[in-house]
Protein backbone atom coordinates (compact mmCIF):
# COMPACT_ATOMS: atom_id res chain seq x y z
CA MET A 1 -7.85 1.00 0.52
CA TYR A 2 -10.66 2.89 2.19
CA ASP A 3 -13.23 0.63 3.77
CA GLN A 4 -15.58 1.66 0.96
CA GLY A 5 -13.27 0.37 -1.78
CA CYS A 6 -11.74 1.87 -4.90
CA CYS A 7 -12.08 2.56 -8.63
CA GLY A 8 -15.15 4.73 -9.45
CA CYS A 9 -13.41 7.49 -11.39
CA MET A 10 -14.80 11.04 -11.50
CA PRO A 11 -13.42 14.10 -13.30
CA LEU A 12 -10.75 16.10 -11.53
CA LYS A 13 -12.38 19.22 -10.15
CA LYS A 14 -11.12 22.51 -8.85
CA THR A 15 -12.26 23.75 -5.46
CA GLY A 16 -11.08 27.16 -4.38
CA TRP A 17 -7.45 27.73 -5.13
CA ALA A 18 -6.29 24.11 -5.27
CA TRP A 19 -7.06 21.07 -7.36
CA SER A 20 -8.56 18.23 -5.37
CA LEU A 21 -8.79 14.46 -5.72
CA ASN A 22 -11.31 12.22 -4.00
CA ALA A 23 -10.56 8.76 -2.61
CA ASN A 24 -11.72 6.91 -5.72
CA GLN A 25 -9.57 9.02 -8.01
CA LEU A 26 -6.48 8.54 -5.85
CA LYS A 27 -7.02 4.79 -5.79
CA LEU A 28 -7.42 4.70 -9.55
CA ILE A 29 -4.09 6.53 -9.89
CA ALA A 30 -2.55 4.00 -7.49
CA ILE A 31 -3.94 1.10 -9.53
CA LEU A 32 -2.52 2.46 -12.79
CA ALA A 33 0.86 3.07 -11.16
CA MET A 34 0.84 -0.45 -9.68
CA VAL A 35 0.11 -2.08 -13.03
CA THR A 36 2.89 -0.02 -14.61
CA ASP A 37 5.33 -1.22 -11.98
CA HIS A 38 4.29 -4.87 -12.19
CA CYS A 39 4.47 -4.88 -15.98
CA ALA A 40 7.99 -3.47 -15.73
CA VAL A 41 9.01 -6.25 -13.33
CA VAL A 42 7.40 -9.08 -15.30
CA PHE A 43 8.07 -8.06 -18.90
CA THR A 44 11.28 -6.00 -18.94
CA GLN A 45 14.90 -6.76 -18.16
CA ALA A 46 16.23 -5.31 -14.91
CA GLU A 47 19.12 -3.65 -16.75
CA SER A 48 16.88 -1.87 -19.28
CA ASP A 49 17.54 1.85 -19.56
CA TYR A 50 13.96 2.90 -18.90
CA VAL A 51 12.78 0.31 -16.37
CA TRP A 52 13.71 2.52 -13.40
CA ILE A 53 11.29 5.19 -14.66
CA LEU A 54 8.42 2.70 -14.78
CA ARG A 55 9.32 1.38 -11.35
CA MET A 56 9.54 4.90 -9.95
CA ILE A 57 5.98 5.54 -11.09
CA GLY A 58 4.89 2.35 -9.37
CA ARG A 59 6.46 3.31 -6.05
CA MET A 60 3.71 5.86 -5.40
CA THR A 61 1.14 3.07 -5.03
CA ALA A 62 2.06 1.72 -1.60
CA PRO A 63 1.94 5.08 0.23
CA ILE A 64 -1.51 5.78 -1.20
CA MET A 65 -2.70 2.32 -0.16
CA CYS A 66 -1.30 2.82 3.34
CA PHE A 67 -2.95 6.22 3.61
CA PHE A 68 -6.36 4.78 2.83
CA ILE A 69 -5.93 1.90 5.26
CA ALA A 70 -5.52 4.55 7.97
CA GLU A 71 -8.50 6.46 6.58
CA GLY A 72 -10.50 3.25 6.49
CA TYR A 73 -9.69 2.65 10.15
CA ALA A 74 -10.94 6.14 11.01
CA HIS A 75 -14.23 5.66 9.14
CA THR A 76 -15.12 1.99 9.51
CA SER A 77 -17.98 1.04 11.81
CA ASN A 78 -16.64 -2.49 12.33
CA ILE A 79 -12.88 -2.89 12.56
CA ARG A 80 -13.13 -6.68 12.85
CA LYS A 81 -15.00 -7.03 9.56
CA TYR A 82 -12.63 -4.56 7.90
CA ALA A 83 -9.56 -6.49 9.09
CA GLY A 84 -11.23 -9.79 8.18
CA ARG A 85 -11.85 -8.69 4.59
CA LEU A 86 -8.29 -7.47 4.28
CA LEU A 87 -6.84 -10.72 5.66
CA ALA A 88 -9.08 -12.85 3.42
CA MET A 89 -7.93 -10.97 0.32
CA ALA A 90 -4.30 -11.18 1.46
CA VAL A 91 -4.59 -14.97 1.65
CA LEU A 92 -6.36 -15.08 -1.72
CA ALA A 93 -3.67 -12.95 -3.37
CA HIS A 94 -0.70 -14.90 -1.97
CA ILE A 95 -0.43 -17.57 -4.68
CA PRO A 96 -1.06 -15.15 -7.60
CA HIS A 97 1.63 -12.84 -6.16
CA ASN A 98 4.24 -15.54 -5.78
CA LEU A 99 3.50 -17.09 -9.16
CA CYS A 100 3.69 -13.71 -10.88
CA PHE A 101 7.04 -12.74 -9.37
CA GLY A 102 8.71 -16.14 -9.39
CA TYR A 103 8.57 -17.10 -5.72
CA ASP A 104 7.66 -20.48 -4.29
CA PRO A 105 3.85 -20.29 -3.87
CA TRP A 106 3.98 -22.44 -0.74
CA ALA A 107 6.78 -20.59 1.01
CA PHE A 108 4.77 -17.68 2.38
CA TRP A 109 7.45 -17.09 5.04
CA GLN A 110 9.88 -16.17 2.25
CA ALA A 111 7.69 -13.86 0.17
CA THR A 112 4.05 -12.85 0.01
CA ASP A 113 1.80 -10.01 -1.14
CA VAL A 114 1.45 -6.45 0.07
CA LEU A 115 -2.03 -7.02 1.50
CA PHE A 116 -0.42 -8.82 4.44
CA SER A 117 1.62 -5.69 5.17
CA LEU A 118 -1.56 -3.62 5.00
CA PHE A 119 -3.34 -6.05 7.32
CA PHE A 120 -0.60 -5.95 9.93
CA GLY A 121 -0.46 -2.16 9.61
CA LEU A 122 -4.18 -1.98 10.35
CA ILE A 123 -3.77 -4.26 13.39
CA ALA A 124 -0.86 -2.16 14.66
CA LEU A 125 -2.87 1.05 14.31
CA ALA A 126 -5.95 -0.44 15.98
CA ALA A 127 -3.83 -1.65 18.90
CA TRP A 128 -2.04 1.68 19.23
CA GLU A 129 -5.34 3.58 19.32
CA SER A 130 -6.97 1.12 21.73
CA GLY A 131 -7.94 2.49 25.10
CA ARG A 132 -7.92 -0.96 26.67
CA LEU A 133 -4.24 -1.79 26.13
CA MET A 134 -1.36 -0.65 28.29
CA ALA A 135 1.64 1.08 26.71
CA TRP A 136 3.83 -2.02 26.84
CA GLN A 137 1.07 -4.10 25.24
CA LYS A 138 0.74 -1.61 22.40
CA GLY A 139 4.49 -1.72 21.88
CA ALA A 140 4.47 -5.52 21.89
CA VAL A 141 1.69 -5.67 19.28
CA LEU A 142 3.54 -3.17 17.10
CA LEU A 143 6.78 -5.15 17.25
CA LEU A 144 4.91 -8.36 16.47
CA CYS A 145 3.22 -6.75 13.44
CA LEU A 146 6.56 -5.41 12.21
CA ALA A 147 8.10 -8.89 12.52
CA LEU A 148 5.19 -10.75 10.93
CA SER A 149 5.15 -8.41 7.92
CA TYR A 150 8.83 -9.06 7.19
CA SER A 151 8.28 -11.42 4.25
CA ALA A 152 5.46 -9.39 2.70
CA ASP A 153 5.88 -6.84 -0.07
CA TRP A 154 6.58 -3.42 1.52
CA ASN A 155 6.96 -5.25 4.88
CA TYR A 156 7.44 -3.08 7.98
CA ILE A 157 7.66 0.08 5.86
CA ALA A 158 3.94 -0.18 5.11
CA VAL A 159 3.15 -0.97 8.76
CA LEU A 160 4.96 2.17 9.94
CA TRP A 161 3.32 4.36 7.28
CA ILE A 162 -0.14 3.16 8.26
CA LEU A 163 0.61 3.70 11.93
CA PHE A 164 1.83 7.28 11.41
CA PHE A 165 -0.91 8.15 8.94
CA GLY A 166 -3.37 7.13 11.63
CA ILE A 167 -1.68 8.63 14.69
CA PHE A 168 -1.08 12.00 13.00
CA ARG A 169 -4.29 12.04 10.96
CA ASP A 170 -5.27 15.50 12.26
CA ARG A 171 -1.71 16.87 12.36
CA PRO A 172 -0.58 17.23 8.72
CA GLN A 173 2.90 18.58 9.48
CA LYS A 174 3.81 15.76 11.85
CA ARG A 175 2.24 13.26 9.47
CA LEU A 176 4.42 14.49 6.61
CA THR A 177 7.56 14.48 8.77
CA ALA A 178 6.89 10.90 9.91
CA TYR A 179 6.12 9.82 6.35
CA LEU A 180 9.40 11.25 5.04
CA ALA A 181 11.36 9.64 7.89
CA VAL A 182 9.99 6.20 6.98
CA ALA A 183 10.55 6.99 3.27
CA ALA A 184 14.21 7.66 4.07
CA LEU A 185 14.40 4.27 5.80
CA TYR A 186 12.88 2.68 2.70
CA LEU A 187 15.33 4.45 0.40
CA PHE A 188 18.33 3.09 2.26
CA GLN A 189 16.80 -0.31 3.04
CA PRO A 190 19.11 -2.12 0.54
CA LEU A 191 22.13 -0.90 2.52
CA VAL A 192 20.66 -2.35 5.72
CA TYR A 193 20.37 -5.71 3.98
CA ALA A 194 23.83 -5.25 2.40
CA THR A 195 22.41 -6.38 -0.94
CA THR A 196 22.98 -3.46 -3.29
CA ILE A 197 23.28 0.30 -3.55
CA PRO A 198 20.11 2.37 -3.03
CA ASP A 199 17.74 2.10 -5.99
CA ILE A 200 16.92 5.51 -7.47
CA SER A 201 13.44 4.30 -8.42
CA ARG A 202 12.62 4.18 -4.71
CA LEU A 203 12.44 7.96 -4.79
CA GLY A 204 9.08 7.40 -6.45
CA VAL A 205 7.48 7.21 -2.98
CA LEU A 206 7.83 11.00 -2.92
CA LEU A 207 5.44 11.25 -5.88
CA ALA A 208 2.62 10.34 -3.49
CA VAL A 209 3.15 13.49 -1.41
CA PRO A 210 1.55 16.04 -3.79
CA LEU A 211 -1.22 13.60 -4.70
CA LEU A 212 -2.19 13.01 -1.07
CA ALA A 213 -2.02 16.77 -0.48
CA MET A 214 -4.88 17.11 -2.99
CA TYR A 215 -7.14 14.86 -0.94
CA ARG A 216 -9.95 16.77 0.77
CA GLY A 217 -11.65 13.90 2.55
CA GLU A 218 -14.22 13.15 -0.16
CA ARG A 219 -14.93 9.50 -0.96
CA GLY A 220 -16.49 9.77 -4.41
CA ARG A 221 -19.10 7.38 -5.76
CA LYS A 222 -19.95 4.51 -3.42
CA ASN A 223 -21.27 1.19 -4.74
CA ALA A 224 -20.36 -2.51 -4.84
CA LEU A 225 -17.70 -1.89 -7.49
CA THR A 226 -15.96 0.82 -5.50
CA LYS A 227 -16.17 -1.30 -2.34
CA TRP A 228 -14.67 -4.49 -3.79
CA GLY A 229 -12.95 -3.28 -6.96
CA PHE A 230 -9.42 -2.89 -5.66
CA TYR A 231 -9.56 -6.02 -3.52
CA MET A 232 -10.51 -8.17 -6.51
CA PHE A 233 -8.38 -6.34 -9.06
CA TYR A 234 -5.16 -7.00 -7.15
CA PRO A 235 -5.05 -10.83 -7.34
CA ALA A 236 -6.81 -10.84 -10.74
CA HIS A 237 -4.22 -8.66 -12.47
CA LEU A 238 -1.38 -10.71 -10.96
CA LEU A 239 -2.86 -13.89 -12.41
CA ILE A 240 -3.31 -12.21 -15.80
CA LEU A 241 0.31 -10.98 -15.86
CA TRP A 242 1.55 -14.41 -14.84
CA GLY A 243 -0.56 -16.06 -17.58
CA ILE A 244 0.75 -13.67 -20.24
CA SER A 245 4.33 -14.18 -19.11
CA ARG A 246 3.90 -17.96 -19.39
CA MET A 247 2.58 -17.62 -22.92
CA LEU A 248 5.49 -15.40 -23.89
C-alpha cells in the first residue's frame, strides 16, 4: 500500500523492451488475488482438489503489499500520519478479519489482520533508517516489531519483507536475494511450528517476483479513491464474505 493508495486501473502498456505495471495496477492485481484466496478459505473445503491453486494465487498479495509499504515509506512526506492511517485501519479491520475466519473477535493476541503486520513492518523500517537511533536501539525496535506481529496474518514474515524491501530499495539483486531468503522461511514455517508439512500453495509468493519486476516506479492515477480504496476495501470485503457465509 503506497501512501497514495490503490485501485485506479489503467491499461497495461509496453515501454521499451519490457511490459510495465504501475503501482495502481499492481495493487489491483493484489486485491483480486486476495479476494480469490479469501473466497477459497471461506467457501471451500480444505481438502478440495483445487483449493491449493486458489490459495497459491492469493499468496502473491502479501509480498506486493509489503513492497508498497516500503515504497510508501520512501515517498511519504509525513511518516507519522502514514503510520497512523495504517494503524487506524488495522484496528478497524480486526473484528471483520476475525469474524470472517472464525477467530474470537476479542482475542487479538491470538489472531488479527495483516494490516498490523504491515504497520509493524513500517515501524521497523522507519527505526532502521533513523539517523537518531543507535545500532542496539534499532535492533531492539526490530525485535519488538517481530514479536508484536506474531499473532497477525503474515506476522514477522511481512515485517522482514518490508524491512528488506526498504533497506535494499536501490539494490535490486540484494533485494531479491533477501526476499527469497524470507520466502524460504515462510515456506518451511509449518515445520518450525511442528504443525504440518509445508503447504505447496505457499510457493505462490514467488508469483510476485515477475510482477514486481515490471514495476517502473510509476504511481498511476492519484485521487481520493486510489488513496483510500485499498484501506477501505480490505475490512469491507471481509465483512461481506462473513455475511455471505452466515447466510449460506
